[in-house]
Amino acid sequence: MNFDDLKDAWANDRISDAGLTMKAVPTGAASSAVTEIRKNMRRELIAQIGGLIILIFVFVITPKNTLSLYIAAVAIFILIIQTVYYFFRFSLFYKAIGRCDLTLKQGINKIAYELELNIEIYKTFNFCAVPLIVLIVAGGSLDLGSTSLLLVFAMLAGAQIVVMFILKLHLHSRYGRHLAELKKIVEDLQSEE
């Protein structure tokens, strides 16, 4: 067989498409979910910064004794450091989902995984921030030197329980629906393979 015969055989050979069907990824649903997630993250950032400024303002204008001043000042410092760290992590996620390719199943799967991870990080952030906020508010409104330790612990426990329920509802309404939507898209794509 010479080279020309081989070329003709190759040109006339039919390619079988049986195993190579490509399913288009539904980018509309994924894109709208990602857009909503990013919009909610921007709102969260603005609300958190606004809340931190209000908290510092309340701390500055309320009278306090020396012990309350030190406790509240240390709590504010720790809260600011913690907030900077967590929002740095969230900004990395925000930028990453903006660059992710929504036409690939792996891209959508990665966003869903990262969103789920960041929801857990956000829960941890709030769980750690609540005692600091209670100490700042208590430091400004109570005389922590004469206040019963039992009262402070009761305030901390009560605040954690209330925030836990509010946070669960908030995360579900802001991010949970979109996470479920992304997971559904990934499941549909996996079931079609």
N, C-alpha and C. Protein backbone atom coordinates (compact mmCIF):
# COMPACT_ATOMS: atom_id res chain seq x y z
N MET A 1 0.86 -1.17 0.00
CA MET A 1 0.00 0.00 0.00
C MET A 1 0.91 1.23 0.00
N ASN A 2 0.67 2.14 -0.94
CA ASN A 2 1.50 3.33 -0.98
C ASN A 2 0.85 4.46 -0.18
N PHE A 3 1.52 5.56 -0.15
CA PHE A 3 1.09 6.68 0.68
C PHE A 3 -0.22 7.28 0.18
N ASP A 4 -0.44 7.37 -1.11
CA ASP A 4 -1.67 7.92 -1.68
C ASP A 4 -2.88 7.05 -1.33
N ASP A 5 -2.69 5.73 -1.38
CA ASP A 5 -3.79 4.83 -1.01
C ASP A 5 -4.14 5.00 0.46
N LEU A 6 -3.13 5.17 1.28
CA LEU A 6 -3.35 5.36 2.72
C LEU A 6 -4.09 6.66 2.98
N LYS A 7 -3.72 7.74 2.27
CA LYS A 7 -4.41 9.02 2.40
C LYS A 7 -5.87 8.90 1.98
N ASP A 8 -6.14 8.22 0.89
CA ASP A 8 -7.52 8.05 0.42
C ASP A 8 -8.34 7.22 1.40
N ALA A 9 -7.74 6.19 1.95
CA ALA A 9 -8.43 5.36 2.92
C ALA A 9 -8.76 6.16 4.19
N TRP A 10 -7.83 6.98 4.57
CA TRP A 10 -8.03 7.79 5.77
C TRP A 10 -9.11 8.84 5.54
N ALA A 11 -9.13 9.47 4.38
CA ALA A 11 -10.12 10.49 4.06
C ALA A 11 -11.51 9.89 3.95
N ASN A 12 -11.62 8.65 3.45
CA ASN A 12 -12.92 8.02 3.28
C ASN A 12 -13.42 7.32 4.54
N ASP A 13 -12.57 7.20 5.53
CA ASP A 13 -12.94 6.52 6.77
C ASP A 13 -13.96 7.35 7.53
N ARG A 14 -15.04 6.75 7.95
CA ARG A 14 -16.08 7.42 8.72
C ARG A 14 -15.73 7.34 10.21
N ILE A 15 -15.88 8.46 10.87
CA ILE A 15 -15.59 8.50 12.31
C ILE A 15 -16.88 8.20 13.05
N SER A 16 -16.79 7.29 13.98
CA SER A 16 -17.96 6.91 14.78
C SER A 16 -18.11 7.90 15.94
N ASP A 17 -19.27 8.51 16.05
CA ASP A 17 -19.55 9.47 17.12
C ASP A 17 -20.29 8.84 18.28
N ALA A 18 -20.37 7.54 18.32
CA ALA A 18 -21.21 6.86 19.32
C ALA A 18 -20.87 7.26 20.75
N GLY A 19 -19.61 7.31 21.12
CA GLY A 19 -19.26 7.60 22.51
C GLY A 19 -18.85 9.03 22.74
N LEU A 20 -18.97 9.90 21.76
CA LEU A 20 -18.44 11.24 21.89
C LEU A 20 -19.51 12.32 21.90
N THR A 21 -20.72 12.01 22.31
CA THR A 21 -21.76 13.04 22.33
C THR A 21 -21.46 14.02 23.45
N MET A 22 -21.58 15.28 23.14
CA MET A 22 -21.30 16.33 24.11
C MET A 22 -22.62 16.96 24.53
N LYS A 23 -22.84 17.04 25.79
CA LYS A 23 -24.04 17.67 26.34
C LYS A 23 -23.67 19.08 26.74
N ALA A 24 -24.41 20.03 26.26
CA ALA A 24 -24.14 21.42 26.62
C ALA A 24 -24.51 21.64 28.09
N VAL A 25 -23.62 22.29 28.80
CA VAL A 25 -23.87 22.61 30.20
C VAL A 25 -24.84 23.79 30.24
N PRO A 26 -25.89 23.69 31.06
CA PRO A 26 -26.86 24.79 31.13
C PRO A 26 -26.27 25.99 31.88
N THR A 27 -25.59 26.85 31.14
CA THR A 27 -24.88 27.96 31.78
C THR A 27 -25.81 29.03 32.30
N GLY A 28 -27.02 29.13 31.79
CA GLY A 28 -27.94 30.16 32.25
C GLY A 28 -28.26 30.03 33.73
N ALA A 29 -28.62 28.85 34.18
CA ALA A 29 -28.95 28.63 35.59
C ALA A 29 -27.73 28.80 36.46
N ALA A 30 -26.62 28.24 36.03
CA ALA A 30 -25.39 28.35 36.82
C ALA A 30 -24.92 29.80 36.89
N SER A 31 -25.02 30.50 35.77
CA SER A 31 -24.57 31.89 35.72
C SER A 31 -25.43 32.77 36.63
N SER A 32 -26.74 32.57 36.61
CA SER A 32 -27.60 33.39 37.47
C SER A 32 -27.36 33.07 38.94
N ALA A 33 -27.11 31.81 39.27
CA ALA A 33 -26.81 31.46 40.66
C ALA A 33 -25.51 32.11 41.12
N VAL A 34 -24.49 32.06 40.27
CA VAL A 34 -23.20 32.66 40.63
C VAL A 34 -23.33 34.17 40.74
N THR A 35 -24.09 34.78 39.86
CA THR A 35 -24.31 36.23 39.92
C THR A 35 -24.99 36.61 41.24
N GLU A 36 -26.00 35.85 41.63
CA GLU A 36 -26.69 36.12 42.90
C GLU A 36 -25.77 35.90 44.09
N ILE A 37 -24.95 34.87 44.05
CA ILE A 37 -24.00 34.61 45.14
C ILE A 37 -23.05 35.78 45.28
N ARG A 38 -22.50 36.25 44.17
CA ARG A 38 -21.56 37.37 44.20
C ARG A 38 -22.24 38.65 44.71
N LYS A 39 -23.49 38.88 44.28
CA LYS A 39 -24.22 40.06 44.75
C LYS A 39 -24.46 39.97 46.26
N ASN A 40 -24.83 38.79 46.75
CA ASN A 40 -25.05 38.61 48.18
C ASN A 40 -23.76 38.77 48.97
N MET A 41 -22.65 38.33 48.40
CA MET A 41 -21.36 38.49 49.09
C MET A 41 -20.98 39.96 49.21
N ARG A 42 -21.26 40.76 48.18
CA ARG A 42 -20.98 42.21 48.26
C ARG A 42 -21.85 42.84 49.35
N ARG A 43 -23.12 42.45 49.41
CA ARG A 43 -24.01 42.97 50.46
C ARG A 43 -23.51 42.58 51.85
N GLU A 44 -23.05 41.35 51.98
CA GLU A 44 -22.52 40.88 53.27
C GLU A 44 -21.33 41.73 53.71
N LEU A 45 -20.44 42.01 52.78
CA LEU A 45 -19.26 42.81 53.10
C LEU A 45 -19.66 44.19 53.58
N ILE A 46 -20.56 44.83 52.87
CA ILE A 46 -21.01 46.17 53.26
C ILE A 46 -21.70 46.13 54.62
N ALA A 47 -22.56 45.14 54.85
CA ALA A 47 -23.27 45.03 56.12
C ALA A 47 -22.30 44.75 57.27
N GLN A 48 -21.33 43.88 57.05
CA GLN A 48 -20.37 43.56 58.11
C GLN A 48 -19.51 44.77 58.46
N ILE A 49 -19.04 45.49 57.45
CA ILE A 49 -18.23 46.68 57.72
C ILE A 49 -19.07 47.74 58.42
N GLY A 50 -20.31 47.92 57.96
CA GLY A 50 -21.20 48.87 58.63
C GLY A 50 -21.48 48.48 60.07
N GLY A 51 -21.70 47.20 60.31
CA GLY A 51 -21.94 46.73 61.68
C GLY A 51 -20.72 46.92 62.57
N LEU A 52 -19.54 46.70 62.02
CA LEU A 52 -18.31 46.89 62.79
C LEU A 52 -18.11 48.37 63.14
N ILE A 53 -18.40 49.26 62.20
CA ILE A 53 -18.28 50.69 62.47
C ILE A 53 -19.27 51.12 63.53
N ILE A 54 -20.51 50.65 63.46
CA ILE A 54 -21.52 50.97 64.47
C ILE A 54 -21.09 50.44 65.84
N LEU A 55 -20.55 49.23 65.87
CA LEU A 55 -20.09 48.64 67.12
C LEU A 55 -18.96 49.47 67.74
N ILE A 56 -18.03 49.90 66.94
CA ILE A 56 -16.93 50.74 67.44
C ILE A 56 -17.48 52.08 67.91
N PHE A 57 -18.42 52.66 67.17
CA PHE A 57 -19.03 53.92 67.56
C PHE A 57 -19.74 53.79 68.90
N VAL A 58 -20.50 52.72 69.09
CA VAL A 58 -21.20 52.48 70.36
C VAL A 58 -20.18 52.34 71.49
N PHE A 59 -19.09 51.65 71.21
CA PHE A 59 -18.03 51.48 72.22
C PHE A 59 -17.44 52.83 72.62
N VAL A 60 -17.22 53.70 71.66
CA VAL A 60 -16.57 54.98 71.93
C VAL A 60 -17.49 55.89 72.74
N ILE A 61 -18.80 55.90 72.45
CA ILE A 61 -19.68 56.87 73.11
C ILE A 61 -20.21 56.41 74.46
N THR A 62 -20.06 55.14 74.81
CA THR A 62 -20.59 54.67 76.09
C THR A 62 -19.53 54.81 77.18
N PRO A 63 -19.97 55.23 78.37
CA PRO A 63 -19.01 55.35 79.48
C PRO A 63 -18.65 53.95 80.00
N LYS A 64 -17.43 53.84 80.48
CA LYS A 64 -16.99 52.54 80.99
C LYS A 64 -15.89 52.73 82.02
N ASN A 65 -15.73 51.71 82.84
CA ASN A 65 -14.63 51.75 83.81
C ASN A 65 -13.38 51.16 83.16
N THR A 66 -12.28 51.13 83.88
CA THR A 66 -11.00 50.69 83.30
C THR A 66 -11.04 49.23 82.87
N LEU A 67 -11.59 48.34 83.68
CA LEU A 67 -11.65 46.92 83.33
C LEU A 67 -12.51 46.71 82.09
N SER A 68 -13.68 47.34 82.06
CA SER A 68 -14.56 47.22 80.89
C SER A 68 -13.90 47.77 79.65
N LEU A 69 -13.16 48.85 79.80
CA LEU A 69 -12.45 49.46 78.67
C LEU A 69 -11.44 48.48 78.09
N TYR A 70 -10.64 47.85 78.93
CA TYR A 70 -9.63 46.90 78.45
C TYR A 70 -10.27 45.67 77.80
N ILE A 71 -11.28 45.14 78.44
CA ILE A 71 -11.94 43.95 77.89
C ILE A 71 -12.57 44.27 76.53
N ALA A 72 -13.28 45.37 76.44
CA ALA A 72 -13.93 45.73 75.18
C ALA A 72 -12.90 46.10 74.11
N ALA A 73 -11.83 46.78 74.48
CA ALA A 73 -10.81 47.16 73.50
C ALA A 73 -10.11 45.93 72.93
N VAL A 74 -9.79 44.98 73.79
CA VAL A 74 -9.16 43.74 73.33
C VAL A 74 -10.14 42.96 72.44
N ALA A 75 -11.41 42.94 72.82
CA ALA A 75 -12.42 42.23 72.01
C ALA A 75 -12.56 42.89 70.64
N ILE A 76 -12.54 44.23 70.59
CA ILE A 76 -12.63 44.93 69.30
C ILE A 76 -11.41 44.61 68.45
N PHE A 77 -10.23 44.63 69.05
CA PHE A 77 -9.01 44.33 68.31
C PHE A 77 -9.06 42.90 67.73
N ILE A 78 -9.45 41.94 68.54
CA ILE A 78 -9.54 40.55 68.07
C ILE A 78 -10.60 40.44 66.97
N LEU A 79 -11.73 41.11 67.15
CA LEU A 79 -12.80 41.07 66.15
C LEU A 79 -12.33 41.66 64.82
N ILE A 80 -11.60 42.76 64.87
CA ILE A 80 -11.10 43.37 63.63
C ILE A 80 -10.11 42.44 62.94
N ILE A 81 -9.17 41.86 63.68
CA ILE A 81 -8.20 40.93 63.09
C ILE A 81 -8.93 39.73 62.48
N GLN A 82 -9.87 39.19 63.20
CA GLN A 82 -10.64 38.04 62.73
C GLN A 82 -11.44 38.40 61.48
N THR A 83 -12.06 39.56 61.46
CA THR A 83 -12.85 40.00 60.32
C THR A 83 -11.97 40.18 59.09
N VAL A 84 -10.81 40.78 59.27
CA VAL A 84 -9.89 40.97 58.14
C VAL A 84 -9.49 39.62 57.56
N TYR A 85 -9.15 38.66 58.41
CA TYR A 85 -8.75 37.34 57.93
C TYR A 85 -9.88 36.65 57.16
N TYR A 86 -11.06 36.61 57.75
CA TYR A 86 -12.16 35.91 57.10
C TYR A 86 -12.58 36.60 55.80
N PHE A 87 -12.60 37.92 55.78
CA PHE A 87 -13.00 38.59 54.55
C PHE A 87 -11.92 38.52 53.48
N PHE A 88 -10.69 38.33 53.86
CA PHE A 88 -9.64 38.05 52.87
C PHE A 88 -9.94 36.71 52.21
N ARG A 89 -10.30 35.71 53.03
CA ARG A 89 -10.66 34.39 52.47
C ARG A 89 -11.88 34.49 51.57
N PHE A 90 -12.88 35.25 52.00
CA PHE A 90 -14.09 35.39 51.19
C PHE A 90 -13.79 36.14 49.90
N SER A 91 -12.89 37.12 49.93
CA SER A 91 -12.56 37.85 48.70
C SER A 91 -11.85 36.94 47.70
N LEU A 92 -11.03 36.02 48.19
CA LEU A 92 -10.41 35.05 47.29
C LEU A 92 -11.47 34.18 46.61
N PHE A 93 -12.45 33.75 47.37
CA PHE A 93 -13.55 32.96 46.81
C PHE A 93 -14.36 33.80 45.82
N TYR A 94 -14.64 35.05 46.17
CA TYR A 94 -15.40 35.95 45.31
C TYR A 94 -14.72 36.11 43.96
N LYS A 95 -13.41 36.31 43.99
CA LYS A 95 -12.66 36.47 42.74
C LYS A 95 -12.62 35.15 41.96
N ALA A 96 -12.46 34.04 42.66
CA ALA A 96 -12.35 32.73 42.00
C ALA A 96 -13.64 32.36 41.27
N ILE A 97 -14.79 32.63 41.87
CA ILE A 97 -16.04 32.26 41.20
C ILE A 97 -16.33 33.19 40.03
N GLY A 98 -15.75 34.38 40.03
CA GLY A 98 -15.90 35.27 38.90
C GLY A 98 -15.12 34.82 37.68
N ARG A 99 -14.04 34.06 37.93
CA ARG A 99 -13.19 33.59 36.83
C ARG A 99 -13.48 32.16 36.42
N CYS A 100 -14.35 31.48 37.14
CA CYS A 100 -14.60 30.05 36.86
C CYS A 100 -15.36 29.89 35.55
N ASP A 101 -15.03 28.83 34.83
CA ASP A 101 -15.68 28.51 33.56
C ASP A 101 -16.98 27.75 33.84
N LEU A 102 -18.09 28.41 33.57
CA LEU A 102 -19.40 27.81 33.84
C LEU A 102 -19.88 26.91 32.73
N THR A 103 -19.05 26.73 31.69
CA THR A 103 -19.44 25.83 30.61
C THR A 103 -18.94 24.41 30.86
N LEU A 104 -18.16 24.24 31.91
CA LEU A 104 -17.63 22.92 32.23
C LEU A 104 -18.24 22.41 33.53
N LYS A 105 -18.53 21.12 33.56
CA LYS A 105 -19.09 20.51 34.76
C LYS A 105 -18.14 20.68 35.94
N GLN A 106 -16.84 20.56 35.69
CA GLN A 106 -15.85 20.68 36.76
C GLN A 106 -15.88 22.09 37.36
N GLY A 107 -16.10 23.11 36.53
CA GLY A 107 -16.17 24.48 37.02
C GLY A 107 -17.35 24.69 37.95
N ILE A 108 -18.50 24.17 37.54
CA ILE A 108 -19.70 24.30 38.37
C ILE A 108 -19.54 23.49 39.66
N ASN A 109 -18.96 22.30 39.54
CA ASN A 109 -18.73 21.46 40.71
C ASN A 109 -17.77 22.15 41.68
N LYS A 110 -16.74 22.80 41.15
CA LYS A 110 -15.78 23.50 42.01
C LYS A 110 -16.44 24.66 42.74
N ILE A 111 -17.29 25.41 42.04
CA ILE A 111 -17.99 26.51 42.68
C ILE A 111 -18.90 25.99 43.80
N ALA A 112 -19.62 24.91 43.54
CA ALA A 112 -20.51 24.34 44.56
C ALA A 112 -19.71 23.90 45.78
N TYR A 113 -18.58 23.24 45.55
CA TYR A 113 -17.74 22.78 46.66
C TYR A 113 -17.20 23.98 47.45
N GLU A 114 -16.67 24.98 46.74
CA GLU A 114 -16.10 26.15 47.41
C GLU A 114 -17.18 26.94 48.15
N LEU A 115 -18.38 27.02 47.58
CA LEU A 115 -19.47 27.72 48.26
C LEU A 115 -19.84 27.00 49.55
N GLU A 116 -19.93 25.68 49.48
CA GLU A 116 -20.24 24.92 50.69
C GLU A 116 -19.16 25.11 51.76
N LEU A 117 -17.92 25.10 51.34
CA LEU A 117 -16.80 25.33 52.27
C LEU A 117 -16.88 26.73 52.86
N ASN A 118 -17.15 27.73 52.05
CA ASN A 118 -17.21 29.10 52.55
C ASN A 118 -18.42 29.34 53.43
N ILE A 119 -19.50 28.62 53.21
CA ILE A 119 -20.64 28.71 54.13
C ILE A 119 -20.23 28.22 55.52
N GLU A 120 -19.50 27.11 55.57
CA GLU A 120 -19.03 26.60 56.86
C GLU A 120 -18.04 27.57 57.51
N ILE A 121 -17.17 28.18 56.70
CA ILE A 121 -16.24 29.17 57.23
C ILE A 121 -17.00 30.37 57.78
N TYR A 122 -18.04 30.78 57.08
CA TYR A 122 -18.85 31.90 57.53
C TYR A 122 -19.56 31.59 58.85
N LYS A 123 -20.03 30.35 58.99
CA LYS A 123 -20.64 29.95 60.26
C LYS A 123 -19.61 30.03 61.39
N THR A 124 -18.41 29.55 61.13
CA THR A 124 -17.35 29.60 62.14
C THR A 124 -17.01 31.04 62.49
N PHE A 125 -16.92 31.88 61.49
CA PHE A 125 -16.63 33.30 61.72
C PHE A 125 -17.67 33.90 62.66
N ASN A 126 -18.93 33.67 62.39
CA ASN A 126 -19.98 34.23 63.24
C ASN A 126 -20.00 33.60 64.62
N PHE A 127 -19.75 32.31 64.68
CA PHE A 127 -19.70 31.63 65.97
C PHE A 127 -18.59 32.23 66.85
N CYS A 128 -17.46 32.57 66.24
CA CYS A 128 -16.35 33.17 67.00
C CYS A 128 -16.55 34.66 67.25
N ALA A 129 -17.30 35.35 66.40
CA ALA A 129 -17.50 36.79 66.55
C ALA A 129 -18.53 37.13 67.62
N VAL A 130 -19.51 36.28 67.81
CA VAL A 130 -20.60 36.58 68.75
C VAL A 130 -20.09 36.83 70.18
N PRO A 131 -19.22 35.98 70.75
CA PRO A 131 -18.75 36.29 72.11
C PRO A 131 -18.00 37.62 72.18
N LEU A 132 -17.27 37.95 71.14
CA LEU A 132 -16.54 39.22 71.13
C LEU A 132 -17.51 40.39 71.09
N ILE A 133 -18.54 40.28 70.30
CA ILE A 133 -19.55 41.34 70.21
C ILE A 133 -20.27 41.49 71.54
N VAL A 134 -20.60 40.38 72.17
CA VAL A 134 -21.27 40.44 73.48
C VAL A 134 -20.35 41.12 74.50
N LEU A 135 -19.06 40.80 74.48
CA LEU A 135 -18.13 41.44 75.41
C LEU A 135 -18.00 42.94 75.14
N ILE A 136 -18.02 43.33 73.88
CA ILE A 136 -17.94 44.76 73.54
C ILE A 136 -19.18 45.49 74.02
N VAL A 137 -20.36 44.91 73.72
CA VAL A 137 -21.61 45.53 74.15
C VAL A 137 -21.71 45.53 75.67
N ALA A 138 -21.39 44.41 76.30
CA ALA A 138 -21.44 44.33 77.76
C ALA A 138 -20.42 45.26 78.38
N GLY A 139 -19.26 45.39 77.77
CA GLY A 139 -18.23 46.30 78.29
C GLY A 139 -18.67 47.74 78.25
N GLY A 140 -19.49 48.09 77.30
CA GLY A 140 -19.98 49.46 77.21
C GLY A 140 -21.20 49.72 78.05
N SER A 141 -22.02 48.71 78.26
CA SER A 141 -23.28 48.93 78.97
C SER A 141 -23.27 48.42 80.41
N LEU A 142 -22.39 47.48 80.74
CA LEU A 142 -22.34 46.92 82.08
C LEU A 142 -21.00 47.26 82.73
N ASP A 143 -21.00 47.24 84.02
CA ASP A 143 -19.74 47.35 84.76
C ASP A 143 -19.24 45.93 84.95
N LEU A 144 -18.33 45.49 84.06
CA LEU A 144 -17.90 44.10 84.07
C LEU A 144 -17.15 43.71 85.34
N GLY A 145 -16.67 44.69 86.08
CA GLY A 145 -15.99 44.37 87.33
C GLY A 145 -16.95 43.92 88.40
N SER A 146 -18.17 44.44 88.37
CA SER A 146 -19.13 44.08 89.41
C SER A 146 -20.25 43.17 88.90
N THR A 147 -20.30 42.92 87.61
CA THR A 147 -21.34 42.07 87.04
C THR A 147 -21.01 40.61 87.34
N SER A 148 -22.03 39.87 87.62
CA SER A 148 -21.87 38.45 87.91
C SER A 148 -21.34 37.72 86.68
N LEU A 149 -20.39 36.85 86.92
CA LEU A 149 -19.83 36.04 85.83
C LEU A 149 -20.91 35.15 85.24
N LEU A 150 -21.83 34.71 86.06
CA LEU A 150 -22.94 33.88 85.59
C LEU A 150 -23.81 34.66 84.59
N LEU A 151 -24.02 35.95 84.85
CA LEU A 151 -24.80 36.78 83.93
C LEU A 151 -24.09 36.92 82.58
N VAL A 152 -22.79 37.11 82.60
CA VAL A 152 -22.02 37.24 81.36
C VAL A 152 -22.08 35.93 80.58
N PHE A 153 -21.92 34.79 81.26
CA PHE A 153 -22.02 33.49 80.59
C PHE A 153 -23.41 33.26 80.01
N ALA A 154 -24.44 33.68 80.75
CA ALA A 154 -25.82 33.54 80.26
C ALA A 154 -26.03 34.40 79.01
N MET A 155 -25.47 35.60 79.01
CA MET A 155 -25.57 36.47 77.84
C MET A 155 -24.85 35.85 76.64
N LEU A 156 -23.67 35.28 76.88
CA LEU A 156 -22.91 34.65 75.81
C LEU A 156 -23.67 33.45 75.23
N ALA A 157 -24.19 32.60 76.12
CA ALA A 157 -24.92 31.42 75.66
C ALA A 157 -26.20 31.82 74.92
N GLY A 158 -26.93 32.77 75.46
CA GLY A 158 -28.16 33.23 74.80
C GLY A 158 -27.88 33.83 73.43
N ALA A 159 -26.84 34.64 73.35
CA ALA A 159 -26.49 35.25 72.06
C ALA A 159 -26.08 34.18 71.04
N GLN A 160 -25.34 33.18 71.48
CA GLN A 160 -24.92 32.12 70.55
C GLN A 160 -26.14 31.36 70.01
N ILE A 161 -27.08 31.06 70.88
CA ILE A 161 -28.27 30.31 70.45
C ILE A 161 -29.11 31.14 69.47
N VAL A 162 -29.32 32.41 69.79
CA VAL A 162 -30.11 33.28 68.91
C VAL A 162 -29.42 33.43 67.56
N VAL A 163 -28.12 33.70 67.57
CA VAL A 163 -27.37 33.89 66.32
C VAL A 163 -27.34 32.61 65.51
N MET A 164 -27.26 31.46 66.18
CA MET A 164 -27.24 30.19 65.46
C MET A 164 -28.51 30.02 64.62
N PHE A 165 -29.66 30.32 65.20
CA PHE A 165 -30.92 30.17 64.46
C PHE A 165 -31.06 31.22 63.36
N ILE A 166 -30.72 32.47 63.68
CA ILE A 166 -30.81 33.54 62.68
C ILE A 166 -29.85 33.28 61.54
N LEU A 167 -28.64 32.84 61.87
CA LEU A 167 -27.63 32.56 60.85
C LEU A 167 -28.06 31.43 59.93
N LYS A 168 -28.67 30.41 60.50
CA LYS A 168 -29.14 29.29 59.68
C LYS A 168 -30.17 29.77 58.66
N LEU A 169 -31.11 30.57 59.08
CA LEU A 169 -32.12 31.12 58.17
C LEU A 169 -31.48 32.05 57.14
N HIS A 170 -30.57 32.88 57.60
CA HIS A 170 -29.91 33.83 56.71
C HIS A 170 -29.11 33.11 55.63
N LEU A 171 -28.32 32.13 56.02
CA LEU A 171 -27.50 31.41 55.05
C LEU A 171 -28.34 30.62 54.06
N HIS A 172 -29.43 30.07 54.54
CA HIS A 172 -30.32 29.34 53.63
C HIS A 172 -30.93 30.28 52.59
N SER A 173 -31.39 31.44 53.04
CA SER A 173 -32.05 32.35 52.10
C SER A 173 -31.05 33.01 51.14
N ARG A 174 -29.84 33.30 51.60
CA ARG A 174 -28.87 33.99 50.75
C ARG A 174 -28.05 33.05 49.87
N TYR A 175 -27.66 31.89 50.42
CA TYR A 175 -26.71 31.03 49.71
C TYR A 175 -27.19 29.60 49.53
N GLY A 176 -27.99 29.10 50.44
CA GLY A 176 -28.41 27.70 50.39
C GLY A 176 -29.19 27.34 49.14
N ARG A 177 -30.06 28.23 48.72
CA ARG A 177 -30.85 27.97 47.51
C ARG A 177 -29.94 27.87 46.29
N HIS A 178 -28.97 28.75 46.22
CA HIS A 178 -28.07 28.76 45.06
C HIS A 178 -27.13 27.55 45.08
N LEU A 179 -26.72 27.15 46.28
CA LEU A 179 -25.89 25.96 46.41
C LEU A 179 -26.68 24.73 45.95
N ALA A 180 -27.93 24.63 46.36
CA ALA A 180 -28.77 23.50 45.94
C ALA A 180 -28.96 23.51 44.42
N GLU A 181 -29.11 24.69 43.84
CA GLU A 181 -29.28 24.81 42.40
C GLU A 181 -28.02 24.33 41.66
N LEU A 182 -26.85 24.74 42.15
CA LEU A 182 -25.59 24.31 41.52
C LEU A 182 -25.39 22.80 41.66
N LYS A 183 -25.70 22.27 42.84
CA LYS A 183 -25.57 20.82 43.04
C LYS A 183 -26.53 20.05 42.13
N LYS A 184 -27.72 20.59 41.92
CA LYS A 184 -28.69 19.94 41.04
C LYS A 184 -28.17 19.90 39.60
N ILE A 185 -27.55 20.98 39.16
CA ILE A 185 -26.98 21.02 37.81
C ILE A 185 -25.89 19.97 37.67
N VAL A 186 -25.03 19.87 38.69
CA VAL A 186 -23.94 18.87 38.65
C VAL A 186 -24.51 17.46 38.66
N GLU A 187 -25.52 17.22 39.50
CA GLU A 187 -26.16 15.89 39.54
C GLU A 187 -26.79 15.53 38.19
N ASP A 188 -27.47 16.49 37.58
CA ASP A 188 -28.09 16.24 36.27
C ASP A 188 -27.03 15.91 35.23
N LEU A 189 -25.92 16.61 35.26
CA LEU A 189 -24.84 16.34 34.29
C LEU A 189 -24.20 14.97 34.53
N GLN A 190 -24.07 14.60 35.80
CA GLN A 190 -23.47 13.31 36.12
C GLN A 190 -24.40 12.16 35.75
N SER A 191 -25.69 12.35 35.91
CA SER A 191 -26.63 11.29 35.59
C SER A 191 -26.73 11.06 34.08
N GLU A 192 -26.40 12.06 33.30
CA GLU A 192 -26.46 11.93 31.85
C GLU A 192 -25.22 11.30 31.26
N GLU A 193 -24.19 11.14 32.06
CA GLU A 193 -22.94 10.54 31.54
C GLU A 193 -23.05 9.05 31.42
